[in-house]
């Protein structure tokens, strides 16, 4: 059994949370086993005992990032499409606004890890798998249940729209101008109604329905 510290976090959680904080504060070059020990307030050698190699440390950090982002985004709390598209739109706007206003440090850490994955094929596979299981597959299922005829393509469009906003607000030109929850709701509404509209049916035809049927 993994022991818990007085902070309520296990030692692996302390280590990987410290690694995420270092990525935000110092970038990838600042992520070393010794620096993680110091940042976590643990005896020297603790991180090496947990993750012997840099690859192991990076994989553990990706895993922890996916866990924390999954809690923030809470995709499992999004209403079922049968309850109506407005409920999905409102929930997506809420969780994205929460991510942008209270958890931007997770986005910065993700960008650091994503860029590192472009240079490490072994990390690329692990990074992609973490995102696929926690985020991509649930969104594919959500789009299918909402009536999409091309759920994978529509999920990709939804992810791309969200990712563009997140990058702009966390590290780009809009870092000091985060959209309001209402603005995000309008954006999600335009995007989803446009994608889910049946052929020959305008986006307004989905206003009171849970899908494009």
C-alpha atoms as a PDB file:
ATOM      1  CA  UNK A   1       0.000   0.000   0.000  1.00  0.00           C
ATOM      2  CA  UNK A   2       1.261   3.473  -0.860  1.00  0.00           C
ATOM      3  CA  UNK A   3       1.807   5.572   2.255  1.00  0.00           C
ATOM      4  CA  UNK A   4       0.156   8.962   2.596  1.00  0.00           C
ATOM      5  CA  UNK A   5       1.890  12.084   3.881  1.00  0.00           C
ATOM      6  CA  UNK A   6       0.436  14.646   6.255  1.00  0.00           C
ATOM      7  CA  UNK A   7      -0.644  16.657   3.180  1.00  0.00           C
ATOM      8  CA  UNK A   8      -3.039  13.884   2.171  1.00  0.00           C
ATOM      9  CA  UNK A   9      -0.970  13.013  -0.900  1.00  0.00           C
ATOM     10  CA  UNK A  10       1.056   9.882  -1.448  1.00  0.00           C
ATOM     11  CA  UNK A  11       4.782  10.141  -2.068  1.00  0.00           C
ATOM     12  CA  UNK A  12       4.328   9.456  -5.807  1.00  0.00           C
ATOM     13  CA  UNK A  13       1.773  12.270  -5.911  1.00  0.00           C
ATOM     14  CA  UNK A  14       4.152  14.626  -4.091  1.00  0.00           C
ATOM     15  CA  UNK A  15       6.895  13.769  -6.559  1.00  0.00           C
ATOM     16  CA  UNK A  16       4.823  14.159  -9.701  1.00  0.00           C
ATOM     17  CA  UNK A  17       3.096  17.316  -8.459  1.00  0.00           C
ATOM     18  CA  UNK A  18       6.539  18.776  -7.783  1.00  0.00           C
ATOM     19  CA  UNK A  19       7.610  17.755 -11.283  1.00  0.00           C
ATOM     20  CA  UNK A  20       4.611  19.548 -12.774  1.00  0.00           C
ATOM     21  CA  UNK A  21       5.370  22.665 -10.744  1.00  0.00           C
ATOM     22  CA  UNK A  22       8.982  22.637 -11.940  1.00  0.00           C
ATOM     23  CA  UNK A  23       7.869  22.381 -15.563  1.00  0.00           C
ATOM     24  CA  UNK A  24       5.795  25.516 -15.075  1.00  0.00           C
ATOM     25  CA  UNK A  25       8.478  27.422 -13.173  1.00  0.00           C
ATOM     26  CA  UNK A  26      11.647  26.357 -15.015  1.00  0.00           C
ATOM     27  CA  UNK A  27      10.666  24.447 -18.134  1.00  0.00           C
ATOM     28  CA  UNK A  28      11.931  21.036 -19.188  1.00  0.00           C
ATOM     29  CA  UNK A  29      15.583  21.869 -18.423  1.00  0.00           C
ATOM     30  CA  UNK A  30      14.679  22.473 -14.803  1.00  0.00           C
ATOM     31  CA  UNK A  31      13.154  19.042 -14.362  1.00  0.00           C
ATOM     32  CA  UNK A  32      15.773  16.876 -12.656  1.00  0.00           C
ATOM     33  CA  UNK A  33      15.514  14.217  -9.992  1.00  0.00           C
ATOM     34  CA  UNK A  34      17.387  16.391  -7.503  1.00  0.00           C
ATOM     35  CA  UNK A  35      15.216  19.423  -8.237  1.00  0.00           C
ATOM     36  CA  UNK A  36      12.061  17.365  -7.731  1.00  0.00           C
ATOM     37  CA  UNK A  37      13.327  16.175  -4.340  1.00  0.00           C
ATOM     38  CA  UNK A  38      13.997  19.764  -3.304  1.00  0.00           C
ATOM     39  CA  UNK A  39      10.677  21.083  -4.628  1.00  0.00           C
ATOM     40  CA  UNK A  40       8.732  18.288  -2.912  1.00  0.00           C
ATOM     41  CA  UNK A  41      10.642  18.659   0.370  1.00  0.00           C
ATOM     42  CA  UNK A  42      11.750  15.030   0.259  1.00  0.00           C
ATOM     43  CA  UNK A  43      15.128  13.463   1.127  1.00  0.00           C
ATOM     44  CA  UNK A  44      17.598  13.333  -1.729  1.00  0.00           C
ATOM     45  CA  UNK A  45      17.213  10.133  -3.705  1.00  0.00           C
ATOM     46  CA  UNK A  46      13.449   9.877  -3.175  1.00  0.00           C
ATOM     47  CA  UNK A  47      12.605  10.671  -6.786  1.00  0.00           C
ATOM     48  CA  UNK A  48      15.311   8.334  -8.094  1.00  0.00           C
ATOM     49  CA  UNK A  49      13.911   5.516  -5.971  1.00  0.00           C
ATOM     50  CA  UNK A  50      10.461   6.128  -7.429  1.00  0.00           C
ATOM     51  CA  UNK A  51      11.467   6.776 -11.048  1.00  0.00           C
ATOM     52  CA  UNK A  52      14.967   5.549 -11.869  1.00  0.00           C
ATOM     53  CA  UNK A  53      15.271   7.110 -15.287  1.00  0.00           C
ATOM     54  CA  UNK A  54      14.242  10.394 -16.834  1.00  0.00           C
ATOM     55  CA  UNK A  55      11.830   8.529 -19.082  1.00  0.00           C
ATOM     56  CA  UNK A  56      10.171   6.942 -16.050  1.00  0.00           C
ATOM     57  CA  UNK A  57       9.874  10.350 -14.373  1.00  0.00           C
ATOM     58  CA  UNK A  58       8.340  11.882 -17.499  1.00  0.00           C
ATOM     59  CA  UNK A  59       5.838   9.039 -17.837  1.00  0.00           C
ATOM     60  CA  UNK A  60       4.816   9.353 -14.198  1.00  0.00           C
ATOM     61  CA  UNK A  61       4.416  13.101 -14.633  1.00  0.00           C
ATOM     62  CA  UNK A  62       2.246  12.649 -17.737  1.00  0.00           C
ATOM     63  CA  UNK A  63       0.101  10.174 -15.820  1.00  0.00           C
ATOM     64  CA  UNK A  64      -0.344  12.594 -12.918  1.00  0.00           C
ATOM     65  CA  UNK A  65      -1.136  15.475 -15.278  1.00  0.00           C
ATOM     66  CA  UNK A  66      -3.848  13.396 -16.960  1.00  0.00           C
ATOM     67  CA  UNK A  67      -5.337  12.570 -13.550  1.00  0.00           C
ATOM     68  CA  UNK A  68      -5.432  16.199 -12.468  1.00  0.00           C
ATOM     69  CA  UNK A  69      -6.796  17.495 -15.767  1.00  0.00           C
ATOM     70  CA  UNK A  70      -9.465  14.785 -15.757  1.00  0.00           C
ATOM     71  CA  UNK A  71     -10.643  16.041 -12.355  1.00  0.00           C
ATOM     72  CA  UNK A  72     -10.747  19.630 -13.593  1.00  0.00           C
ATOM     73  CA  UNK A  73     -12.559  18.853 -16.842  1.00  0.00           C
ATOM     74  CA  UNK A  74     -14.871  16.283 -15.210  1.00  0.00           C
ATOM     75  CA  UNK A  75     -16.145  14.865 -18.504  1.00  0.00           C
ATOM     76  CA  UNK A  76     -18.098  12.229 -16.580  1.00  0.00           C
ATOM     77  CA  UNK A  77     -20.263  15.015 -15.108  1.00  0.00           C
ATOM     78  CA  UNK A  78     -21.427  16.333 -18.474  1.00  0.00           C
ATOM     79  CA  UNK A  79     -25.177  15.670 -18.872  1.00  0.00           C
ATOM     80  CA  UNK A  80     -26.314  12.940 -21.223  1.00  0.00           C
ATOM     81  CA  UNK A  81     -27.345  14.182 -24.703  1.00  0.00           C
ATOM     82  CA  UNK A  82     -30.864  12.898 -24.016  1.00  0.00           C
ATOM     83  CA  UNK A  83     -31.261  15.792 -21.574  1.00  0.00           C
ATOM     84  CA  UNK A  84     -30.776  18.300 -24.402  1.00  0.00           C
ATOM     85  CA  UNK A  85     -27.878  19.974 -26.146  1.00  0.00           C
ATOM     86  CA  UNK A  86     -28.101  23.093 -23.984  1.00  0.00           C
ATOM     87  CA  UNK A  87     -27.034  21.063 -20.952  1.00  0.00           C
ATOM     88  CA  UNK A  88     -23.915  19.788 -22.737  1.00  0.00           C
ATOM     89  CA  UNK A  89     -23.049  23.279 -23.958  1.00  0.00           C
ATOM     90  CA  UNK A  90     -23.414  24.774 -20.485  1.00  0.00           C
ATOM     91  CA  UNK A  91     -21.328  22.035 -18.865  1.00  0.00           C
ATOM     92  CA  UNK A  92     -18.535  22.341 -21.421  1.00  0.00           C
ATOM     93  CA  UNK A  93     -18.430  26.108 -20.972  1.00  0.00           C
ATOM     94  CA  UNK A  94     -18.262  25.705 -17.201  1.00  0.00           C
ATOM     95  CA  UNK A  95     -15.386  23.216 -17.169  1.00  0.00           C
ATOM     96  CA  UNK A  96     -13.345  25.059 -19.806  1.00  0.00           C
ATOM     97  CA  UNK A  97     -13.770  28.360 -17.954  1.00  0.00           C
ATOM     98  CA  UNK A  98     -12.681  26.657 -14.727  1.00  0.00           C
ATOM     99  CA  UNK A  99      -9.590  25.275 -16.450  1.00  0.00           C
ATOM    100  CA  UNK A 100      -8.660  28.650 -17.944  1.00  0.00           C
ATOM    101  CA  UNK A 101      -9.179  30.683 -14.775  1.00  0.00           C
ATOM    102  CA  UNK A 102      -7.999  28.383 -11.978  1.00  0.00           C
ATOM    103  CA  UNK A 103      -5.740  25.729 -13.514  1.00  0.00           C
ATOM    104  CA  UNK A 104      -3.689  27.379 -16.218  1.00  0.00           C
ATOM    105  CA  UNK A 105      -0.517  25.943 -14.712  1.00  0.00           C
ATOM    106  CA  UNK A 106      -1.645  22.490 -15.837  1.00  0.00           C
ATOM    107  CA  UNK A 107      -1.875  23.750 -19.403  1.00  0.00           C
ATOM    108  CA  UNK A 108       1.656  25.149 -19.315  1.00  0.00           C
ATOM    109  CA  UNK A 109       2.961  21.840 -17.959  1.00  0.00           C
ATOM    110  CA  UNK A 110       1.083  19.963 -20.693  1.00  0.00           C
ATOM    111  CA  UNK A 111       2.649  22.092 -23.403  1.00  0.00           C
ATOM    112  CA  UNK A 112       6.108  21.399 -21.991  1.00  0.00           C
ATOM    113  CA  UNK A 113       5.447  17.662 -21.963  1.00  0.00           C
ATOM    114  CA  UNK A 114       3.826  17.708 -25.403  1.00  0.00           C
ATOM    115  CA  UNK A 115       6.843  19.432 -26.936  1.00  0.00           C
ATOM    116  CA  UNK A 116       9.196  16.992 -25.240  1.00  0.00           C
ATOM    117  CA  UNK A 117       7.136  14.137 -26.665  1.00  0.00           C
ATOM    118  CA  UNK A 118       7.876  15.400 -30.185  1.00  0.00           C
ATOM    119  CA  UNK A 119      11.563  14.693 -29.487  1.00  0.00           C
ATOM    120  CA  UNK A 120      11.114  11.393 -27.613  1.00  0.00           C
ATOM    121  CA  UNK A 121       9.219   8.710 -29.561  1.00  0.00           C
ATOM    122  CA  UNK A 122       8.926   6.555 -26.439  1.00  0.00           C
ATOM    123  CA  UNK A 123       7.255   9.425 -24.579  1.00  0.00           C
ATOM    124  CA  UNK A 124       5.075  10.237 -27.591  1.00  0.00           C
ATOM    125  CA  UNK A 125       3.358   6.865 -27.424  1.00  0.00           C
ATOM    126  CA  UNK A 126       2.765   7.157 -23.675  1.00  0.00           C
ATOM    127  CA  UNK A 127       1.566  10.780 -23.917  1.00  0.00           C
ATOM    128  CA  UNK A 128      -0.870   9.975 -26.719  1.00  0.00           C
ATOM    129  CA  UNK A 129      -2.263   6.948 -24.905  1.00  0.00           C
ATOM    130  CA  UNK A 130      -2.925   8.965 -21.735  1.00  0.00           C
ATOM    131  CA  UNK A 131      -4.914  11.539 -23.673  1.00  0.00           C
ATOM    132  CA  UNK A 132      -6.772   8.985 -25.745  1.00  0.00           C
ATOM    133  CA  UNK A 133      -8.117   7.004 -22.789  1.00  0.00           C
ATOM    134  CA  UNK A 134      -9.082   9.946 -20.591  1.00  0.00           C
ATOM    135  CA  UNK A 135     -10.244  12.536 -23.107  1.00  0.00           C
ATOM    136  CA  UNK A 136     -10.407  11.493 -26.755  1.00  0.00           C
ATOM    137  CA  UNK A 137     -12.497   8.340 -26.401  1.00  0.00           C
ATOM    138  CA  UNK A 138     -15.067   9.941 -24.023  1.00  0.00           C
ATOM    139  CA  UNK A 139     -15.506  12.852 -26.445  1.00  0.00           C
ATOM    140  CA  UNK A 140     -15.964  10.459 -29.362  1.00  0.00           C
ATOM    141  CA  UNK A 141     -18.690   8.722 -27.364  1.00  0.00           C
ATOM    142  CA  UNK A 142     -20.299  12.045 -26.442  1.00  0.00           C
ATOM    143  CA  UNK A 143     -20.436  13.172 -30.068  1.00  0.00           C
ATOM    144  CA  UNK A 144     -21.919   9.844 -31.151  1.00  0.00           C
ATOM    145  CA  UNK A 145     -24.570   9.969 -28.431  1.00  0.00           C
ATOM    146  CA  UNK A 146     -25.413  13.566 -29.381  1.00  0.00           C
ATOM    147  CA  UNK A 147     -26.276  12.432 -32.899  1.00  0.00           C
ATOM    148  CA  UNK A 148     -23.063  13.045 -34.806  1.00  0.00           C
ATOM    149  CA  UNK A 149     -22.738  11.091 -38.028  1.00  0.00           C
ATOM    150  CA  UNK A 150     -18.944  11.490 -37.859  1.00  0.00           C
ATOM    151  CA  UNK A 151     -18.160  11.417 -34.127  1.00  0.00           C
ATOM    152  CA  UNK A 152     -14.381  11.079 -34.436  1.00  0.00           C
ATOM    153  CA  UNK A 153     -14.084  13.997 -36.846  1.00  0.00           C
ATOM    154  CA  UNK A 154     -16.435  16.143 -34.793  1.00  0.00           C
ATOM    155  CA  UNK A 155     -14.594  15.270 -31.576  1.00  0.00           C
ATOM    156  CA  UNK A 156     -11.366  16.352 -33.258  1.00  0.00           C
ATOM    157  CA  UNK A 157     -12.957  19.681 -34.240  1.00  0.00           C
ATOM    158  CA  UNK A 158     -14.191  20.172 -30.679  1.00  0.00           C
ATOM    159  CA  UNK A 159     -10.766  19.375 -29.225  1.00  0.00           C
ATOM    160  CA  UNK A 160      -9.013  21.650 -31.727  1.00  0.00           C
ATOM    161  CA  UNK A 161     -11.326  24.550 -30.865  1.00  0.00           C
ATOM    162  CA  UNK A 162     -10.766  24.043 -27.138  1.00  0.00           C
ATOM    163  CA  UNK A 163      -7.013  23.597 -27.532  1.00  0.00           C
ATOM    164  CA  UNK A 164      -6.737  26.798 -29.540  1.00  0.00           C
ATOM    165  CA  UNK A 165      -8.528  28.741 -26.825  1.00  0.00           C
ATOM    166  CA  UNK A 166      -6.484  27.150 -24.062  1.00  0.00           C
ATOM    167  CA  UNK A 167      -3.167  27.891 -25.716  1.00  0.00           C
ATOM    168  CA  UNK A 168      -4.154  31.478 -26.500  1.00  0.00           C
ATOM    169  CA  UNK A 169      -5.287  32.083 -22.916  1.00  0.00           C
ATOM    170  CA  UNK A 170      -2.453  30.213 -21.171  1.00  0.00           C
ATOM    171  CA  UNK A 171       0.543  31.112 -23.315  1.00  0.00           C
ATOM    172  CA  UNK A 172      -0.626  33.210 -26.236  1.00  0.00           C
ATOM    173  CA  UNK A 173      -1.940  36.660 -27.012  1.00  0.00           C
ATOM    174  CA  UNK A 174      -5.090  36.281 -24.898  1.00  0.00           C
ATOM    175  CA  UNK A 175      -3.376  35.327 -21.631  1.00  0.00           C
ATOM    176  CA  UNK A 176      -4.859  38.430 -19.972  1.00  0.00           C
ATOM    177  CA  UNK A 177      -8.266  38.263 -21.674  1.00  0.00           C
ATOM    178  CA  UNK A 178      -9.880  34.950 -20.740  1.00  0.00           C
ATOM    179  CA  UNK A 179     -13.387  34.641 -22.236  1.00  0.00           C
ATOM    180  CA  UNK A 180     -16.272  34.699 -19.779  1.00  0.00           C
ATOM    181  CA  UNK A 181     -18.328  31.586 -19.184  1.00  0.00           C
ATOM    182  CA  UNK A 182     -21.159  33.149 -21.206  1.00  0.00           C
ATOM    183  CA  UNK A 183     -18.815  33.830 -24.135  1.00  0.00           C
ATOM    184  CA  UNK A 184     -17.621  30.241 -24.020  1.00  0.00           C
ATOM    185  CA  UNK A 185     -21.208  29.025 -23.922  1.00  0.00           C
ATOM    186  CA  UNK A 186     -21.956  30.981 -27.092  1.00  0.00           C
ATOM    187  CA  UNK A 187     -18.867  29.562 -28.778  1.00  0.00           C
ATOM    188  CA  UNK A 188     -19.684  25.978 -27.861  1.00  0.00           C
ATOM    189  CA  UNK A 189     -23.257  26.513 -29.013  1.00  0.00           C
ATOM    190  CA  UNK A 190     -22.194  27.786 -32.420  1.00  0.00           C
ATOM    191  CA  UNK A 191     -19.710  24.954 -32.849  1.00  0.00           C
ATOM    192  CA  UNK A 192     -21.860  22.044 -31.707  1.00  0.00           C
ATOM    193  CA  UNK A 193     -25.095  23.138 -33.351  1.00  0.00           C
ATOM    194  CA  UNK A 194     -23.233  23.706 -36.579  1.00  0.00           C
ATOM    195  CA  UNK A 195     -21.602  20.277 -36.476  1.00  0.00           C
ATOM    196  CA  UNK A 196     -24.650  18.330 -35.356  1.00  0.00           C
ATOM    197  CA  UNK A 197     -27.209  19.876 -37.689  1.00  0.00           C
ATOM    198  CA  UNK A 198     -28.674  17.278 -40.028  1.00  0.00           C
ATOM    199  CA  UNK A 199     -28.216  17.845 -43.774  1.00  0.00           C
ATOM    200  CA  UNK A 200     -30.709  20.465 -44.890  1.00  0.00           C
ATOM    201  CA  UNK A 201     -31.457  21.534 -41.317  1.00  0.00           C
ATOM    202  CA  UNK A 202     -30.157  24.860 -39.991  1.00  0.00           C
ATOM    203  CA  UNK A 203     -28.314  25.044 -36.644  1.00  0.00           C
ATOM    204  CA  UNK A 204     -31.407  26.524 -34.971  1.00  0.00           C
ATOM    205  CA  UNK A 205     -33.169  23.235 -35.559  1.00  0.00           C
ATOM    206  CA  UNK A 206     -31.134  21.728 -32.722  1.00  0.00           C
ATOM    207  CA  UNK A 207     -31.957  24.399 -30.160  1.00  0.00           C
ATOM    208  CA  UNK A 208     -34.377  22.254 -28.175  1.00  0.00           C
ATOM    209  CA  UNK A 209     -33.128  18.782 -29.037  1.00  0.00           C
ATOM    210  CA  UNK A 210     -30.398  16.500 -27.791  1.00  0.00           C
ATOM    211  CA  UNK A 211     -28.939  15.676 -31.190  1.00  0.00           C
ATOM    212  CA  UNK A 212     -29.189  15.962 -34.912  1.00  0.00           C
ATOM    213  CA  UNK A 213     -31.900  13.360 -35.498  1.00  0.00           C
END
